């Protein structure tokens, strides 16, 4: 069994800035915040082609 998830978003920025925001862990951490205590949570996001 294989599972797939596809999401489509539109952003009003350059592809370079968007890619940097998604692949730089310090920038990504600013997007992902623990609402309970206001601290950015750890992440292990690793973009993979395919």
PDB file of N, CA and C in Angstrom:
ATOM      1  N   UNK A   1       0.847  -1.170   0.000  1.00  0.00           N
ATOM      2  CA  UNK A   1       0.000   0.000   0.000  1.00  0.00           C
ATOM      3  C   UNK A   1       0.896   1.237   0.000  1.00  0.00           C
ATOM      4  N   UNK A   2       0.570   2.186  -0.839  1.00  0.00           N
ATOM      5  CA  UNK A   2       1.301   3.452  -0.813  1.00  0.00           C
ATOM      6  C   UNK A   2       0.313   4.583  -0.568  1.00  0.00           C
ATOM      7  N   UNK A   3       0.782   5.574   0.142  1.00  0.00           N
ATOM      8  CA  UNK A   3      -0.045   6.733   0.453  1.00  0.00           C
ATOM      9  C   UNK A   3       0.594   7.970  -0.158  1.00  0.00           C
ATOM     10  N   UNK A   4      -0.210   8.899  -0.568  1.00  0.00           N
ATOM     11  CA  UNK A   4       0.308  10.141  -1.138  1.00  0.00           C
ATOM     12  C   UNK A   4      -0.497  11.317  -0.601  1.00  0.00           C
ATOM     13  N   UNK A   5       0.184  12.407  -0.411  1.00  0.00           N
ATOM     14  CA  UNK A   5      -0.448  13.645   0.021  1.00  0.00           C
ATOM     15  C   UNK A   5       0.080  14.752  -0.871  1.00  0.00           C
ATOM     16  N   UNK A   6      -0.818  15.511  -1.427  1.00  0.00           N
ATOM     17  CA  UNK A   6      -0.420  16.610  -2.306  1.00  0.00           C
ATOM     18  C   UNK A   6      -1.132  17.876  -1.854  1.00  0.00           C
ATOM     19  N   UNK A   7      -0.371  18.930  -1.622  1.00  0.00           N
ATOM     20  CA  UNK A   7      -0.933  20.213  -1.214  1.00  0.00           C
ATOM     21  C   UNK A   7      -0.483  21.275  -2.201  1.00  0.00           C
ATOM     22  N   UNK A   8      -1.346  22.225  -2.463  1.00  0.00           N
ATOM     23  CA  UNK A   8      -0.984  23.314  -3.370  1.00  0.00           C
ATOM     24  C   UNK A   8      -1.218  24.640  -2.668  1.00  0.00           C
ATOM     25  N   UNK A   9      -0.190  25.474  -2.644  1.00  0.00           N
ATOM     26  CA  UNK A   9      -0.266  26.791  -2.024  1.00  0.00           C
ATOM     27  C   UNK A   9       0.272  27.826  -2.996  1.00  0.00           C
ATOM     28  N   UNK A  10      -0.195  29.041  -2.876  1.00  0.00           N
ATOM     29  CA  UNK A  10       0.334  30.141  -3.672  1.00  0.00           C
ATOM     30  C   UNK A  10       0.866  31.202  -2.714  1.00  0.00           C
ATOM     31  N   UNK A  11       2.100  31.624  -2.934  1.00  0.00           N
ATOM     32  CA  UNK A  11       2.749  32.628  -2.097  1.00  0.00           C
ATOM     33  C   UNK A  11       3.171  33.809  -2.956  1.00  0.00           C
ATOM     34  N   UNK A  12       3.084  34.996  -2.399  1.00  0.00           N
ATOM     35  CA  UNK A  12       3.491  36.196  -3.127  1.00  0.00           C
ATOM     36  C   UNK A  12       4.920  36.568  -2.741  1.00  0.00           C
ATOM     37  N   UNK A  13       5.854  35.747  -3.164  1.00  0.00           N
ATOM     38  CA  UNK A  13       7.277  35.968  -2.921  1.00  0.00           C
ATOM     39  C   UNK A  13       8.060  35.279  -4.030  1.00  0.00           C
ATOM     40  N   UNK A  14       9.357  35.408  -3.987  1.00  0.00           N
ATOM     41  CA  UNK A  14      10.172  34.724  -4.994  1.00  0.00           C
ATOM     42  C   UNK A  14      10.358  33.266  -4.598  1.00  0.00           C
ATOM     43  N   UNK A  15      10.634  32.421  -5.566  1.00  0.00           N
ATOM     44  CA  UNK A  15      10.877  31.005  -5.284  1.00  0.00           C
ATOM     45  C   UNK A  15      12.110  30.842  -4.399  1.00  0.00           C
ATOM     46  N   UNK A  16      13.092  31.725  -4.560  1.00  0.00           N
ATOM     47  CA  UNK A  16      14.307  31.651  -3.740  1.00  0.00           C
ATOM     48  C   UNK A  16      14.002  31.910  -2.265  1.00  0.00           C
ATOM     49  N   UNK A  17      13.193  32.936  -1.992  1.00  0.00           N
ATOM     50  CA  UNK A  17      12.838  33.236  -0.597  1.00  0.00           C
ATOM     51  C   UNK A  17      11.978  32.127   0.001  1.00  0.00           C
ATOM     52  N   UNK A  18      11.058  31.602  -0.779  1.00  0.00           N
ATOM     53  CA  UNK A  18      10.202  30.525  -0.292  1.00  0.00           C
ATOM     54  C   UNK A  18      11.021  29.274   0.005  1.00  0.00           C
ATOM     55  N   UNK A  19      11.897  28.890  -0.913  1.00  0.00           N
ATOM     56  CA  UNK A  19      12.725  27.704  -0.713  1.00  0.00           C
ATOM     57  C   UNK A  19      13.613  27.868   0.519  1.00  0.00           C
ATOM     58  N   UNK A  20      14.168  29.057   0.695  1.00  0.00           N
ATOM     59  CA  UNK A  20      15.004  29.325   1.866  1.00  0.00           C
ATOM     60  C   UNK A  20      14.191  29.193   3.153  1.00  0.00           C
ATOM     61  N   UNK A  21      12.962  29.705   3.145  1.00  0.00           N
ATOM     62  CA  UNK A  21      12.102  29.615   4.329  1.00  0.00           C
ATOM     63  C   UNK A  21      11.749  28.174   4.663  1.00  0.00           C
ATOM     64  N   UNK A  22      11.658  27.316   3.648  1.00  0.00           N
ATOM     65  CA  UNK A  22      11.307  25.914   3.871  1.00  0.00           C
ATOM     66  C   UNK A  22      12.505  25.034   4.198  1.00  0.00           C
ATOM     67  N   UNK A  23      13.694  25.432   3.779  1.00  0.00           N
ATOM     68  CA  UNK A  23      14.860  24.560   3.932  1.00  0.00           C
ATOM     69  C   UNK A  23      15.856  25.035   4.977  1.00  0.00           C
ATOM     70  N   UNK A  24      15.711  26.241   5.475  1.00  0.00           N
ATOM     71  CA  UNK A  24      16.586  26.754   6.535  1.00  0.00           C
ATOM     72  C   UNK A  24      15.865  26.521   7.862  1.00  0.00           C
ATOM     73  N   UNK A  25      16.410  25.657   8.703  1.00  0.00           N
ATOM     74  CA  UNK A  25      15.694  25.254   9.919  1.00  0.00           C
ATOM     75  C   UNK A  25      15.404  26.425  10.849  1.00  0.00           C
ATOM     76  N   UNK A  26      16.283  27.422  10.916  1.00  0.00           N
ATOM     77  CA  UNK A  26      16.018  28.564  11.796  1.00  0.00           C
ATOM     78  C   UNK A  26      14.856  29.407  11.264  1.00  0.00           C
ATOM     79  N   UNK A  27      14.738  29.520   9.945  1.00  0.00           N
ATOM     80  CA  UNK A  27      13.612  30.255   9.361  1.00  0.00           C
ATOM     81  C   UNK A  27      12.324  29.446   9.487  1.00  0.00           C
ATOM     82  N   UNK A  28      12.402  28.152   9.262  1.00  0.00           N
ATOM     83  CA  UNK A  28      11.222  27.295   9.369  1.00  0.00           C
ATOM     84  C   UNK A  28      10.690  27.293  10.799  1.00  0.00           C
ATOM     85  N   UNK A  29      11.591  27.325  11.769  1.00  0.00           N
ATOM     86  CA  UNK A  29      11.180  27.323  13.171  1.00  0.00           C
ATOM     87  C   UNK A  29      10.336  28.547  13.510  1.00  0.00           C
ATOM     88  N   UNK A  30      10.552  29.645  12.806  1.00  0.00           N
ATOM     89  CA  UNK A  30       9.748  30.846  13.048  1.00  0.00           C
ATOM     90  C   UNK A  30       8.303  30.641  12.604  1.00  0.00           C
ATOM     91  N   UNK A  31       8.079  29.746  11.634  1.00  0.00           N
ATOM     92  CA  UNK A  31       6.731  29.447  11.165  1.00  0.00           C
ATOM     93  C   UNK A  31       6.027  28.468  12.094  1.00  0.00           C
ATOM     94  N   UNK A  32       6.794  27.564  12.693  1.00  0.00           N
ATOM     95  CA  UNK A  32       6.243  26.467  13.489  1.00  0.00           C
ATOM     96  C   UNK A  32       6.421  26.818  14.967  1.00  0.00           C
ATOM     97  N   UNK A  33       5.360  27.282  15.595  1.00  0.00           N
ATOM     98  CA  UNK A  33       5.448  27.763  16.972  1.00  0.00           C
ATOM     99  C   UNK A  33       4.508  26.954  17.857  1.00  0.00           C
ATOM    100  N   UNK A  34       4.990  26.623  19.046  1.00  0.00           N
ATOM    101  CA  UNK A  34       4.159  25.960  20.045  1.00  0.00           C
ATOM    102  C   UNK A  34       3.245  27.023  20.655  1.00  0.00           C
ATOM    103  N   UNK A  35       1.960  26.944  20.377  1.00  0.00           N
ATOM    104  CA  UNK A  35       1.004  27.953  20.825  1.00  0.00           C
ATOM    105  C   UNK A  35       0.910  28.000  22.353  1.00  0.00           C
ATOM    106  N   UNK A  36       1.106  26.870  23.022  1.00  0.00           N
ATOM    107  CA  UNK A  36       0.954  26.813  24.472  1.00  0.00           C
ATOM    108  C   UNK A  36       1.930  27.722  25.211  1.00  0.00           C
ATOM    109  N   UNK A  37       3.217  27.672  24.825  1.00  0.00           N
ATOM    110  CA  UNK A  37       4.193  28.466  25.570  1.00  0.00           C
ATOM    111  C   UNK A  37       4.946  29.472  24.704  1.00  0.00           C
ATOM    112  N   UNK A  38       4.576  29.582  23.432  1.00  0.00           N
ATOM    113  CA  UNK A  38       5.161  30.583  22.564  1.00  0.00           C
ATOM    114  C   UNK A  38       6.559  30.284  22.072  1.00  0.00           C
ATOM    115  N   UNK A  39       7.073  29.088  22.328  1.00  0.00           N
ATOM    116  CA  UNK A  39       8.413  28.734  21.881  1.00  0.00           C
ATOM    117  C   UNK A  39       8.343  27.953  20.577  1.00  0.00           C
ATOM    118  N   UNK A  40       9.317  28.205  19.711  1.00  0.00           N
ATOM    119  CA  UNK A  40       9.404  27.434  18.471  1.00  0.00           C
ATOM    120  C   UNK A  40       9.762  25.998  18.822  1.00  0.00           C
ATOM    121  N   UNK A  41       9.077  25.043  18.202  1.00  0.00           N
ATOM    122  CA  UNK A  41       9.354  23.643  18.496  1.00  0.00           C
ATOM    123  C   UNK A  41      10.456  23.114  17.589  1.00  0.00           C
ATOM    124  N   UNK A  42      11.128  22.069  18.022  1.00  0.00           N
ATOM    125  CA  UNK A  42      12.156  21.429  17.214  1.00  0.00           C
ATOM    126  C   UNK A  42      11.513  20.839  15.972  1.00  0.00           C
ATOM    127  N   UNK A  43      12.269  20.808  14.888  1.00  0.00           N
ATOM    128  CA  UNK A  43      11.752  20.168  13.683  1.00  0.00           C
ATOM    129  C   UNK A  43      12.879  19.420  13.001  1.00  0.00           C
ATOM    130  N   UNK A  44      12.516  18.407  12.265  1.00  0.00           N
ATOM    131  CA  UNK A  44      13.498  17.637  11.499  1.00  0.00           C
ATOM    132  C   UNK A  44      13.067  17.585  10.034  1.00  0.00           C
ATOM    133  N   UNK A  45      12.494  18.674   9.565  1.00  0.00           N
ATOM    134  CA  UNK A  45      12.012  18.776   8.196  1.00  0.00           C
ATOM    135  C   UNK A  45      13.164  18.600   7.224  1.00  0.00           C
ATOM    136  N   UNK A  46      13.043  17.627   6.330  1.00  0.00           N
ATOM    137  CA  UNK A  46      14.062  17.379   5.316  1.00  0.00           C
ATOM    138  C   UNK A  46      13.371  17.244   3.966  1.00  0.00           C
ATOM    139  N   UNK A  47      13.430  18.302   3.144  1.00  0.00           N
ATOM    140  CA  UNK A  47      12.783  18.214   1.835  1.00  0.00           C
ATOM    141  C   UNK A  47      13.437  17.154   0.961  1.00  0.00           C
ATOM    142  N   UNK A  48      12.606  16.391   0.255  1.00  0.00           N
ATOM    143  CA  UNK A  48      13.094  15.313  -0.598  1.00  0.00           C
ATOM    144  C   UNK A  48      12.439  15.443  -1.967  1.00  0.00           C
ATOM    145  N   UNK A  49      13.238  15.356  -3.003  1.00  0.00           N
ATOM    146  CA  UNK A  49      12.705  15.415  -4.364  1.00  0.00           C
ATOM    147  C   UNK A  49      11.945  14.136  -4.659  1.00  0.00           C
ATOM    148  N   UNK A  50      10.782  14.272  -5.286  1.00  0.00           N
ATOM    149  CA  UNK A  50      10.042  13.096  -5.685  1.00  0.00           C
ATOM    150  C   UNK A  50       8.799  12.939  -4.924  1.00  0.00           C
TER     151      UNK A  50
END
